[in-house]
């Protein structure tokens, strides 16, 4: 496992650089209240920086990082290049997942204790709407590629709630297994994949028809979902199995399983799809997987209780 000592000068330079050869991976660490930065070109850490009190959900935009702070009930807006907190926006008690629309103009934050999704402008963080959903303790609210829909998962639910973004209201629910967690859309927006933790399954949803078209047996406690930019594979973390599985989207079958760290949670792919970065919540590490060979390349030490990864 690669180790590092926090180097705040290196961190400042990493943020301040106008361009990098490869994207950077940002990892929010809940317990240590930091963000770890990983250079995806060489999988070396560039350092870590303080981030709120309990950083959880994260989305990386062109110029900003957006993080939910589960302790203070706020959305943190950070200048990505300067490494400076610009503002903290109250969103409600226990916010979790953060999603950025494809055009970078809208943010969605799932707020657990309010059973709602807060829609905000980006990068200003102005609240535009607070949308109630049926699921209790919502965890993720994910934009469809065209920005028309938000799919919302919740810890106390057996459905995915569908929000019409323009109408600012929930318009449907799609039945899935118990405790839906991670959600990802294919690049063309035709399908969404949802991991249901307690059910131990992944559900493929036809977006136009709002119905499940396939149920895929996963490992124990499937959680995070990431989709390859080519749309031919999705990746799902299995929390209790300490593994990530690859699913072929043409057949909706599992084609590979890779061992990672303990309790893998949320994940992200590099823009070219060549590498997958997996936050291992109980190992305090990020596993890096080569998506062509399905081989683990590295385990990178990060902060305590990493929640997920965003790459930009």
C-alpha atoms as a PDB file:
ATOM      1  CA  UNK A   1       0.000   0.000   0.000  1.00  0.00           C
ATOM      2  CA  UNK A   2       1.371   3.382  -0.970  1.00  0.00           C
ATOM      3  CA  UNK A   3       1.771   5.757   1.931  1.00  0.00           C
ATOM      4  CA  UNK A   4       2.117   9.490   2.162  1.00  0.00           C
ATOM      5  CA  UNK A   5       2.552  12.278   4.610  1.00  0.00           C
ATOM      6  CA  UNK A   6       0.315  15.300   4.087  1.00  0.00           C
ATOM      7  CA  UNK A   7       2.246  17.956   2.214  1.00  0.00           C
ATOM      8  CA  UNK A   8       0.265  21.154   2.131  1.00  0.00           C
ATOM      9  CA  UNK A   9       2.698  22.975  -0.169  1.00  0.00           C
ATOM     10  CA  UNK A  10       2.388  20.167  -2.702  1.00  0.00           C
ATOM     11  CA  UNK A  11      -1.386  20.265  -2.217  1.00  0.00           C
ATOM     12  CA  UNK A  12      -1.527  23.998  -2.938  1.00  0.00           C
ATOM     13  CA  UNK A  13       0.537  23.536  -6.064  1.00  0.00           C
ATOM     14  CA  UNK A  14      -1.678  20.655  -7.177  1.00  0.00           C
ATOM     15  CA  UNK A  15      -4.758  22.837  -6.885  1.00  0.00           C
ATOM     16  CA  UNK A  16      -3.084  25.859  -8.454  1.00  0.00           C
ATOM     17  CA  UNK A  17      -1.711  24.135 -11.558  1.00  0.00           C
ATOM     18  CA  UNK A  18      -3.675  25.358 -14.603  1.00  0.00           C
ATOM     19  CA  UNK A  19      -3.389  22.023 -16.401  1.00  0.00           C
ATOM     20  CA  UNK A  20      -2.348  18.440 -15.650  1.00  0.00           C
ATOM     21  CA  UNK A  21      -1.451  15.568 -17.938  1.00  0.00           C
ATOM     22  CA  UNK A  22      -4.102  13.362 -16.408  1.00  0.00           C
ATOM     23  CA  UNK A  23      -7.192  14.094 -14.267  1.00  0.00           C
ATOM     24  CA  UNK A  24      -7.063  14.193 -10.489  1.00  0.00           C
ATOM     25  CA  UNK A  25      -9.084  11.937  -8.210  1.00  0.00           C
ATOM     26  CA  UNK A  26     -10.643  13.534  -5.124  1.00  0.00           C
ATOM     27  CA  UNK A  27     -11.509  11.334  -2.138  1.00  0.00           C
ATOM     28  CA  UNK A  28     -13.579  12.675   0.789  1.00  0.00           C
ATOM     29  CA  UNK A  29     -12.642  10.996   4.084  1.00  0.00           C
ATOM     30  CA  UNK A  30     -15.525  11.106   6.572  1.00  0.00           C
ATOM     31  CA  UNK A  31     -13.717  10.384   9.815  1.00  0.00           C
ATOM     32  CA  UNK A  32     -10.526  12.358   9.215  1.00  0.00           C
ATOM     33  CA  UNK A  33     -12.469  15.270   7.655  1.00  0.00           C
ATOM     34  CA  UNK A  34     -10.109  15.605   4.711  1.00  0.00           C
ATOM     35  CA  UNK A  35      -9.929  15.294   0.943  1.00  0.00           C
ATOM     36  CA  UNK A  36      -7.141  13.145  -0.460  1.00  0.00           C
ATOM     37  CA  UNK A  37      -5.925  14.069  -3.949  1.00  0.00           C
ATOM     38  CA  UNK A  38      -4.558  11.379  -6.277  1.00  0.00           C
ATOM     39  CA  UNK A  39      -2.765  12.009  -9.558  1.00  0.00           C
ATOM     40  CA  UNK A  40      -4.281   9.415 -11.901  1.00  0.00           C
ATOM     41  CA  UNK A  41      -1.259   9.583 -14.220  1.00  0.00           C
ATOM     42  CA  UNK A  42       0.969   7.821 -11.692  1.00  0.00           C
ATOM     43  CA  UNK A  43      -1.429   6.967  -8.834  1.00  0.00           C
ATOM     44  CA  UNK A  44       0.614   8.993  -6.363  1.00  0.00           C
ATOM     45  CA  UNK A  45      -1.111  11.115  -3.741  1.00  0.00           C
ATOM     46  CA  UNK A  46      -0.605  14.855  -3.999  1.00  0.00           C
ATOM     47  CA  UNK A  47      -1.582  15.399  -0.388  1.00  0.00           C
ATOM     48  CA  UNK A  48      -4.738  16.017   1.576  1.00  0.00           C
ATOM     49  CA  UNK A  49      -6.576  19.052   2.854  1.00  0.00           C
ATOM     50  CA  UNK A  50      -9.124  19.680   5.622  1.00  0.00           C
ATOM     51  CA  UNK A  51     -12.744  19.572   4.431  1.00  0.00           C
ATOM     52  CA  UNK A  52     -15.561  20.395   6.819  1.00  0.00           C
ATOM     53  CA  UNK A  53     -16.378  18.085   9.710  1.00  0.00           C
ATOM     54  CA  UNK A  54     -17.788  14.984   8.007  1.00  0.00           C
ATOM     55  CA  UNK A  55     -17.348  15.149   4.222  1.00  0.00           C
ATOM     56  CA  UNK A  56     -19.357  12.552   2.334  1.00  0.00           C
ATOM     57  CA  UNK A  57     -20.833  13.078  -1.132  1.00  0.00           C
ATOM     58  CA  UNK A  58     -18.641  14.749  -3.734  1.00  0.00           C
ATOM     59  CA  UNK A  59     -18.914  16.066  -7.279  1.00  0.00           C
ATOM     60  CA  UNK A  60     -16.062  17.683  -9.195  1.00  0.00           C
ATOM     61  CA  UNK A  61     -16.806  20.427 -11.704  1.00  0.00           C
ATOM     62  CA  UNK A  62     -14.526  22.290 -14.071  1.00  0.00           C
ATOM     63  CA  UNK A  63     -13.530  24.837 -11.418  1.00  0.00           C
ATOM     64  CA  UNK A  64     -15.109  23.680  -8.155  1.00  0.00           C
ATOM     65  CA  UNK A  65     -15.524  20.751  -5.820  1.00  0.00           C
ATOM     66  CA  UNK A  66     -18.926  20.270  -4.195  1.00  0.00           C
ATOM     67  CA  UNK A  67     -19.069  18.262  -0.972  1.00  0.00           C
ATOM     68  CA  UNK A  68     -21.820  17.445   1.493  1.00  0.00           C
ATOM     69  CA  UNK A  69     -20.914  17.826   5.166  1.00  0.00           C
ATOM     70  CA  UNK A  70     -22.967  15.300   7.105  1.00  0.00           C
ATOM     71  CA  UNK A  71     -22.230  16.894  10.459  1.00  0.00           C
ATOM     72  CA  UNK A  72     -22.992  20.544   9.714  1.00  0.00           C
ATOM     73  CA  UNK A  73     -25.807  19.947   7.232  1.00  0.00           C
ATOM     74  CA  UNK A  74     -24.158  22.003   4.524  1.00  0.00           C
ATOM     75  CA  UNK A  75     -22.840  21.909   0.981  1.00  0.00           C
ATOM     76  CA  UNK A  76     -19.184  22.947   0.767  1.00  0.00           C
ATOM     77  CA  UNK A  77     -18.142  24.750  -2.417  1.00  0.00           C
ATOM     78  CA  UNK A  78     -14.371  24.661  -2.917  1.00  0.00           C
ATOM     79  CA  UNK A  79     -12.303  26.423  -5.562  1.00  0.00           C
ATOM     80  CA  UNK A  80     -10.652  23.372  -7.093  1.00  0.00           C
ATOM     81  CA  UNK A  81      -7.516  25.126  -8.331  1.00  0.00           C
ATOM     82  CA  UNK A  82      -6.901  27.445  -5.386  1.00  0.00           C
ATOM     83  CA  UNK A  83      -7.817  24.797  -2.800  1.00  0.00           C
ATOM     84  CA  UNK A  84      -9.948  27.371  -0.992  1.00  0.00           C
ATOM     85  CA  UNK A  85     -13.411  27.056   0.524  1.00  0.00           C
ATOM     86  CA  UNK A  86     -15.579  29.668  -1.213  1.00  0.00           C
ATOM     87  CA  UNK A  87     -18.798  29.151   0.711  1.00  0.00           C
ATOM     88  CA  UNK A  88     -20.807  26.798   2.890  1.00  0.00           C
ATOM     89  CA  UNK A  89     -24.500  26.507   2.005  1.00  0.00           C
ATOM     90  CA  UNK A  90     -27.046  25.078   4.498  1.00  0.00           C
ATOM     91  CA  UNK A  91     -29.033  22.232   2.909  1.00  0.00           C
ATOM     92  CA  UNK A  92     -30.503  20.297   5.871  1.00  0.00           C
ATOM     93  CA  UNK A  93     -29.558  17.628   8.389  1.00  0.00           C
ATOM     94  CA  UNK A  94     -27.392  14.722   7.227  1.00  0.00           C
ATOM     95  CA  UNK A  95     -26.838  15.421   3.522  1.00  0.00           C
ATOM     96  CA  UNK A  96     -25.177  12.634   1.586  1.00  0.00           C
ATOM     97  CA  UNK A  97     -24.899  12.142  -2.192  1.00  0.00           C
ATOM     98  CA  UNK A  98     -24.060  15.108  -4.440  1.00  0.00           C
ATOM     99  CA  UNK A  99     -24.621  15.125  -8.205  1.00  0.00           C
ATOM    100  CA  UNK A 100     -23.693  17.687 -10.861  1.00  0.00           C
ATOM    101  CA  UNK A 101     -25.693  17.951 -14.080  1.00  0.00           C
ATOM    102  CA  UNK A 102     -23.915  17.288 -17.357  1.00  0.00           C
ATOM    103  CA  UNK A 103     -23.888  20.961 -18.303  1.00  0.00           C
ATOM    104  CA  UNK A 104     -22.435  21.861 -14.899  1.00  0.00           C
ATOM    105  CA  UNK A 105     -25.247  24.287 -14.045  1.00  0.00           C
ATOM    106  CA  UNK A 106     -27.257  22.331 -11.467  1.00  0.00           C
ATOM    107  CA  UNK A 107     -26.461  20.474  -8.275  1.00  0.00           C
ATOM    108  CA  UNK A 108     -28.585  17.914  -6.462  1.00  0.00           C
ATOM    109  CA  UNK A 109     -28.012  16.975  -2.817  1.00  0.00           C
ATOM    110  CA  UNK A 110     -29.809  14.067  -1.129  1.00  0.00           C
ATOM    111  CA  UNK A 111     -30.775  15.138   2.403  1.00  0.00           C
ATOM    112  CA  UNK A 112     -31.484  12.148   4.616  1.00  0.00           C
ATOM    113  CA  UNK A 113     -33.296  13.618   7.602  1.00  0.00           C
ATOM    114  CA  UNK A 114     -35.514  15.813   5.432  1.00  0.00           C
ATOM    115  CA  UNK A 115     -36.466  13.019   2.985  1.00  0.00           C
ATOM    116  CA  UNK A 116     -35.797  15.457   0.190  1.00  0.00           C
ATOM    117  CA  UNK A 117     -33.509  16.413  -2.653  1.00  0.00           C
ATOM    118  CA  UNK A 118     -32.223  19.986  -2.708  1.00  0.00           C
ATOM    119  CA  UNK A 119     -31.661  21.466  -6.152  1.00  0.00           C
ATOM    120  CA  UNK A 120     -29.121  24.297  -6.363  1.00  0.00           C
ATOM    121  CA  UNK A 121     -27.430  26.422  -8.995  1.00  0.00           C
ATOM    122  CA  UNK A 122     -23.770  25.758  -9.761  1.00  0.00           C
ATOM    123  CA  UNK A 123     -21.346  27.152  -8.901  1.00  0.00           C
ATOM    124  CA  UNK A 124     -23.258  29.732  -6.846  1.00  0.00           C
ATOM    125  CA  UNK A 125     -24.998  27.243  -4.563  1.00  0.00           C
ATOM    126  CA  UNK A 126     -28.316  29.107  -4.645  1.00  0.00           C
ATOM    127  CA  UNK A 127     -31.205  26.889  -3.559  1.00  0.00           C
ATOM    128  CA  UNK A 128     -33.733  26.541  -6.380  1.00  0.00           C
ATOM    129  CA  UNK A 129     -36.068  23.900  -4.978  1.00  0.00           C
ATOM    130  CA  UNK A 130     -36.500  21.417  -2.145  1.00  0.00           C
ATOM    131  CA  UNK A 131     -38.202  18.323  -3.533  1.00  0.00           C
ATOM    132  CA  UNK A 132     -39.779  15.717  -1.268  1.00  0.00           C
ATOM    133  CA  UNK A 133     -39.388  12.047  -2.203  1.00  0.00           C
ATOM    134  CA  UNK A 134     -41.169   8.907  -1.030  1.00  0.00           C
ATOM    135  CA  UNK A 135     -38.044   7.024   0.075  1.00  0.00           C
ATOM    136  CA  UNK A 136     -36.864   7.639   3.616  1.00  0.00           C
ATOM    137  CA  UNK A 137     -33.245   8.662   4.228  1.00  0.00           C
ATOM    138  CA  UNK A 138     -32.365   9.386   0.585  1.00  0.00           C
ATOM    139  CA  UNK A 139     -28.741   8.646  -0.218  1.00  0.00           C
ATOM    140  CA  UNK A 140     -28.101   9.418  -3.874  1.00  0.00           C
ATOM    141  CA  UNK A 141     -29.799  11.775  -6.327  1.00  0.00           C
ATOM    142  CA  UNK A 142     -28.260  11.279  -9.779  1.00  0.00           C
ATOM    143  CA  UNK A 143     -28.919  13.309 -12.932  1.00  0.00           C
ATOM    144  CA  UNK A 144     -29.677  11.547 -16.204  1.00  0.00           C
ATOM    145  CA  UNK A 145     -27.155  12.476 -18.927  1.00  0.00           C
ATOM    146  CA  UNK A 146     -29.597  14.936 -20.522  1.00  0.00           C
ATOM    147  CA  UNK A 147     -30.371  16.532 -17.146  1.00  0.00           C
ATOM    148  CA  UNK A 148     -34.086  15.844 -17.482  1.00  0.00           C
ATOM    149  CA  UNK A 149     -34.441  13.375 -14.621  1.00  0.00           C
ATOM    150  CA  UNK A 150     -33.074  12.743 -11.160  1.00  0.00           C
ATOM    151  CA  UNK A 151     -33.120   9.152  -9.901  1.00  0.00           C
ATOM    152  CA  UNK A 152     -33.138   8.975  -6.112  1.00  0.00           C
ATOM    153  CA  UNK A 153     -32.232   6.031  -3.867  1.00  0.00           C
ATOM    154  CA  UNK A 154     -32.917   5.766  -0.134  1.00  0.00           C
ATOM    155  CA  UNK A 155     -31.904   3.541   2.737  1.00  0.00           C
ATOM    156  CA  UNK A 156     -35.516   2.872   3.729  1.00  0.00           C
ATOM    157  CA  UNK A 157     -37.052   2.123   0.347  1.00  0.00           C
ATOM    158  CA  UNK A 158     -37.789  -0.588  -2.183  1.00  0.00           C
ATOM    159  CA  UNK A 159     -38.035   1.784  -5.113  1.00  0.00           C
ATOM    160  CA  UNK A 160     -36.168   4.439  -7.036  1.00  0.00           C
ATOM    161  CA  UNK A 161     -37.961   7.778  -6.984  1.00  0.00           C
ATOM    162  CA  UNK A 162     -37.967   9.767 -10.234  1.00  0.00           C
ATOM    163  CA  UNK A 163     -37.857  13.585 -10.180  1.00  0.00           C
ATOM    164  CA  UNK A 164     -38.742  15.715 -13.176  1.00  0.00           C
ATOM    165  CA  UNK A 165     -36.027  18.382 -12.932  1.00  0.00           C
ATOM    166  CA  UNK A 166     -37.901  21.054 -14.892  1.00  0.00           C
ATOM    167  CA  UNK A 167     -41.141  20.494 -12.942  1.00  0.00           C
ATOM    168  CA  UNK A 168     -39.231  20.365  -9.632  1.00  0.00           C
ATOM    169  CA  UNK A 169     -41.266  17.405  -8.345  1.00  0.00           C
ATOM    170  CA  UNK A 170     -41.299  13.640  -8.018  1.00  0.00           C
ATOM    171  CA  UNK A 171     -43.326  12.132 -10.863  1.00  0.00           C
ATOM    172  CA  UNK A 172     -42.819   8.365 -10.511  1.00  0.00           C
ATOM    173  CA  UNK A 173     -41.359   5.479  -8.523  1.00  0.00           C
ATOM    174  CA  UNK A 174     -39.801   2.318  -9.961  1.00  0.00           C
ATOM    175  CA  UNK A 175     -39.847  -0.806  -7.791  1.00  0.00           C
ATOM    176  CA  UNK A 176     -36.455  -2.403  -7.088  1.00  0.00           C
ATOM    177  CA  UNK A 177     -35.014  -4.447  -4.226  1.00  0.00           C
ATOM    178  CA  UNK A 178     -34.689  -3.401  -0.614  1.00  0.00           C
ATOM    179  CA  UNK A 179     -32.340  -0.526   0.216  1.00  0.00           C
ATOM    180  CA  UNK A 180     -31.296   0.862  -3.164  1.00  0.00           C
ATOM    181  CA  UNK A 181     -27.930   2.603  -3.079  1.00  0.00           C
ATOM    182  CA  UNK A 182     -25.694   3.476  -6.034  1.00  0.00           C
ATOM    183  CA  UNK A 183     -27.180   4.617  -9.349  1.00  0.00           C
ATOM    184  CA  UNK A 184     -25.564   5.147 -12.755  1.00  0.00           C
ATOM    185  CA  UNK A 185     -26.953   5.876 -16.231  1.00  0.00           C
ATOM    186  CA  UNK A 186     -25.596   4.612 -19.528  1.00  0.00           C
ATOM    187  CA  UNK A 187     -24.037   7.489 -21.501  1.00  0.00           C
ATOM    188  CA  UNK A 188     -26.979   7.609 -23.922  1.00  0.00           C
ATOM    189  CA  UNK A 189     -29.442   7.764 -21.017  1.00  0.00           C
ATOM    190  CA  UNK A 190     -31.411   4.739 -22.212  1.00  0.00           C
ATOM    191  CA  UNK A 191     -30.858   2.691 -19.080  1.00  0.00           C
ATOM    192  CA  UNK A 192     -30.058   3.172 -15.416  1.00  0.00           C
ATOM    193  CA  UNK A 193     -28.458   0.621 -13.118  1.00  0.00           C
ATOM    194  CA  UNK A 194     -29.309   0.526  -9.423  1.00  0.00           C
ATOM    195  CA  UNK A 195     -27.591  -1.536  -6.709  1.00  0.00           C
ATOM    196  CA  UNK A 196     -29.949  -2.723  -3.954  1.00  0.00           C
ATOM    197  CA  UNK A 197     -27.902  -3.527  -0.896  1.00  0.00           C
ATOM    198  CA  UNK A 198     -30.175  -5.807   1.154  1.00  0.00           C
ATOM    199  CA  UNK A 199     -31.649  -7.529  -1.904  1.00  0.00           C
ATOM    200  CA  UNK A 200     -28.162  -8.368  -3.172  1.00  0.00           C
ATOM    201  CA  UNK A 201     -29.081  -7.450  -6.740  1.00  0.00           C
ATOM    202  CA  UNK A 202     -28.479  -4.883  -9.442  1.00  0.00           C
ATOM    203  CA  UNK A 203     -31.500  -3.688 -11.415  1.00  0.00           C
ATOM    204  CA  UNK A 204     -31.345  -2.508 -15.029  1.00  0.00           C
ATOM    205  CA  UNK A 205     -34.085   0.061 -15.709  1.00  0.00           C
ATOM    206  CA  UNK A 206     -35.474   1.122 -19.076  1.00  0.00           C
ATOM    207  CA  UNK A 207     -35.612   4.889 -18.580  1.00  0.00           C
ATOM    208  CA  UNK A 208     -38.222   5.655 -21.255  1.00  0.00           C
ATOM    209  CA  UNK A 209     -40.596   2.944 -20.002  1.00  0.00           C
ATOM    210  CA  UNK A 210     -39.736   3.300 -16.305  1.00  0.00           C
ATOM    211  CA  UNK A 211     -39.538  -0.428 -15.725  1.00  0.00           C
ATOM    212  CA  UNK A 212     -36.968  -2.996 -14.656  1.00  0.00           C
ATOM    213  CA  UNK A 213     -35.748  -5.065 -17.598  1.00  0.00           C
ATOM    214  CA  UNK A 214     -33.138  -7.194 -15.808  1.00  0.00           C
ATOM    215  CA  UNK A 215     -32.241  -8.346 -12.301  1.00  0.00           C
ATOM    216  CA  UNK A 216     -28.580  -9.243 -11.865  1.00  0.00           C
ATOM    217  CA  UNK A 217     -27.419 -11.233  -8.850  1.00  0.00           C
ATOM    218  CA  UNK A 218     -24.582  -9.410  -7.110  1.00  0.00           C
ATOM    219  CA  UNK A 219     -22.343 -10.180  -4.133  1.00  0.00           C
ATOM    220  CA  UNK A 220     -23.175  -9.320  -0.560  1.00  0.00           C
ATOM    221  CA  UNK A 221     -24.357  -5.745  -0.020  1.00  0.00           C
ATOM    222  CA  UNK A 222     -23.840  -4.226  -3.475  1.00  0.00           C
ATOM    223  CA  UNK A 223     -23.414  -0.505  -3.091  1.00  0.00           C
ATOM    224  CA  UNK A 224     -21.558   1.777  -5.509  1.00  0.00           C
ATOM    225  CA  UNK A 225     -22.178   1.821  -9.268  1.00  0.00           C
ATOM    226  CA  UNK A 226     -19.990   3.328 -12.003  1.00  0.00           C
ATOM    227  CA  UNK A 227     -20.524   3.163 -15.768  1.00  0.00           C
ATOM    228  CA  UNK A 228     -17.786   2.955 -18.376  1.00  0.00           C
ATOM    229  CA  UNK A 229     -17.866   5.934 -20.792  1.00  0.00           C
ATOM    230  CA  UNK A 230     -18.264   3.533 -23.723  1.00  0.00           C
ATOM    231  CA  UNK A 231     -21.378   2.123 -22.068  1.00  0.00           C
ATOM    232  CA  UNK A 232     -20.337  -1.511 -22.512  1.00  0.00           C
ATOM    233  CA  UNK A 233     -19.578  -2.191 -18.846  1.00  0.00           C
ATOM    234  CA  UNK A 234     -20.800  -1.129 -15.462  1.00  0.00           C
ATOM    235  CA  UNK A 235     -18.947  -1.740 -12.209  1.00  0.00           C
ATOM    236  CA  UNK A 236     -20.576  -2.521  -8.860  1.00  0.00           C
ATOM    237  CA  UNK A 237     -18.915  -2.659  -5.425  1.00  0.00           C
ATOM    238  CA  UNK A 238     -19.920  -5.469  -3.070  1.00  0.00           C
ATOM    239  CA  UNK A 239     -19.519  -4.128   0.461  1.00  0.00           C
ATOM    240  CA  UNK A 240     -19.372  -7.342   2.473  1.00  0.00           C
ATOM    241  CA  UNK A 241     -17.488  -9.303  -0.167  1.00  0.00           C
ATOM    242  CA  UNK A 242     -14.662  -6.755  -0.501  1.00  0.00           C
ATOM    243  CA  UNK A 243     -14.981  -6.977  -4.260  1.00  0.00           C
ATOM    244  CA  UNK A 244     -15.973  -5.129  -7.404  1.00  0.00           C
ATOM    245  CA  UNK A 245     -17.768  -6.893 -10.236  1.00  0.00           C
ATOM    246  CA  UNK A 246     -17.972  -5.936 -13.907  1.00  0.00           C
ATOM    247  CA  UNK A 247     -21.272  -6.359 -15.740  1.00  0.00           C
ATOM    248  CA  UNK A 248     -21.607  -6.567 -19.514  1.00  0.00           C
ATOM    249  CA  UNK A 249     -24.483  -4.253 -20.461  1.00  0.00           C
ATOM    250  CA  UNK A 250     -25.339  -6.104 -23.689  1.00  0.00           C
ATOM    251  CA  UNK A 251     -26.151  -9.313 -21.800  1.00  0.00           C
ATOM    252  CA  UNK A 252     -26.568  -7.946 -18.252  1.00  0.00           C
ATOM    253  CA  UNK A 253     -24.277 -10.678 -16.927  1.00  0.00           C
ATOM    254  CA  UNK A 254     -21.284 -10.540 -14.585  1.00  0.00           C
ATOM    255  CA  UNK A 255     -18.056 -11.004 -16.556  1.00  0.00           C
ATOM    256  CA  UNK A 256     -15.402 -10.432 -13.863  1.00  0.00           C
ATOM    257  CA  UNK A 257     -14.914  -9.988 -10.136  1.00  0.00           C
ATOM    258  CA  UNK A 258     -11.925  -8.205  -8.580  1.00  0.00           C
ATOM    259  CA  UNK A 259     -10.899  -8.285  -4.926  1.00  0.00           C
ATOM    260  CA  UNK A 260     -10.376  -4.867  -3.343  1.00  0.00           C
ATOM    261  CA  UNK A 261     -10.205  -3.480   0.210  1.00  0.00           C
ATOM    262  CA  UNK A 262     -12.698  -3.840   3.030  1.00  0.00           C
ATOM    263  CA  UNK A 263     -16.208  -2.415   2.582  1.00  0.00           C
ATOM    264  CA  UNK A 264     -15.869  -0.850  -0.874  1.00  0.00           C
ATOM    265  CA  UNK A 265     -18.351   1.977  -1.344  1.00  0.00           C
ATOM    266  CA  UNK A 266     -18.523   4.590  -4.084  1.00  0.00           C
ATOM    267  CA  UNK A 267     -16.301   4.674  -7.155  1.00  0.00           C
ATOM    268  CA  UNK A 268     -15.289   6.676 -10.221  1.00  0.00           C
ATOM    269  CA  UNK A 269     -13.686   6.023 -13.603  1.00  0.00           C
ATOM    270  CA  UNK A 270     -11.125   8.105 -15.434  1.00  0.00           C
ATOM    271  CA  UNK A 271     -12.652   9.970 -18.412  1.00  0.00           C
ATOM    272  CA  UNK A 272     -11.100   7.495 -20.862  1.00  0.00           C
ATOM    273  CA  UNK A 273     -12.450   4.566 -18.838  1.00  0.00           C
ATOM    274  CA  UNK A 274      -9.071   2.899 -18.455  1.00  0.00           C
ATOM    275  CA  UNK A 275      -8.982   2.885 -14.639  1.00  0.00           C
ATOM    276  CA  UNK A 276     -11.537   2.535 -11.865  1.00  0.00           C
ATOM    277  CA  UNK A 277     -10.935   4.067  -8.417  1.00  0.00           C
ATOM    278  CA  UNK A 278     -12.738   2.395  -5.507  1.00  0.00           C
ATOM    279  CA  UNK A 279     -13.094   3.902  -2.016  1.00  0.00           C
ATOM    280  CA  UNK A 280     -12.622   1.177   0.612  1.00  0.00           C
ATOM    281  CA  UNK A 281     -14.381   2.536   3.683  1.00  0.00           C
ATOM    282  CA  UNK A 282     -12.980   0.086   6.229  1.00  0.00           C
ATOM    283  CA  UNK A 283      -9.478  -0.191   4.778  1.00  0.00           C
ATOM    284  CA  UNK A 284      -8.848   3.563   4.547  1.00  0.00           C
ATOM    285  CA  UNK A 285      -7.669   3.036   0.995  1.00  0.00           C
ATOM    286  CA  UNK A 286      -8.538   3.426  -2.665  1.00  0.00           C
ATOM    287  CA  UNK A 287      -8.086   0.446  -4.965  1.00  0.00           C
ATOM    288  CA  UNK A 288      -7.168   1.126  -8.599  1.00  0.00           C
ATOM    289  CA  UNK A 289      -8.426  -1.366 -11.192  1.00  0.00           C
ATOM    290  CA  UNK A 290      -7.350  -1.727 -14.813  1.00  0.00           C
ATOM    291  CA  UNK A 291     -10.703  -1.985 -16.581  1.00  0.00           C
ATOM    292  CA  UNK A 292      -9.326  -3.801 -19.647  1.00  0.00           C
ATOM    293  CA  UNK A 293      -7.676  -6.669 -17.767  1.00  0.00           C
ATOM    294  CA  UNK A 294      -9.865  -6.520 -14.629  1.00  0.00           C
ATOM    295  CA  UNK A 295      -6.696  -6.521 -12.520  1.00  0.00           C
ATOM    296  CA  UNK A 296      -6.079  -4.495  -9.392  1.00  0.00           C
ATOM    297  CA  UNK A 297      -3.081  -2.239  -9.922  1.00  0.00           C
ATOM    298  CA  UNK A 298      -2.654  -0.513  -6.556  1.00  0.00           C
ATOM    299  CA  UNK A 299      -4.049   0.099  -3.103  1.00  0.00           C
ATOM    300  CA  UNK A 300      -3.480   3.744  -2.196  1.00  0.00           C
ATOM    301  CA  UNK A 301      -3.662   4.836   1.433  1.00  0.00           C
ATOM    302  CA  UNK A 302      -6.033   7.753   2.007  1.00  0.00           C
ATOM    303  CA  UNK A 303      -7.739   9.230   5.077  1.00  0.00           C
ATOM    304  CA  UNK A 304     -10.105   7.523   7.500  1.00  0.00           C
ATOM    305  CA  UNK A 305     -13.430   6.226   6.222  1.00  0.00           C
ATOM    306  CA  UNK A 306     -13.291   7.280   2.567  1.00  0.00           C
ATOM    307  CA  UNK A 307     -16.832   7.756   1.205  1.00  0.00           C
ATOM    308  CA  UNK A 308     -16.245   7.834  -2.540  1.00  0.00           C
ATOM    309  CA  UNK A 309     -14.254   9.269  -5.428  1.00  0.00           C
ATOM    310  CA  UNK A 310     -14.793  12.010  -8.006  1.00  0.00           C
ATOM    311  CA  UNK A 311     -12.397  12.487 -10.922  1.00  0.00           C
ATOM    312  CA  UNK A 312     -11.795  15.629 -12.947  1.00  0.00           C
END
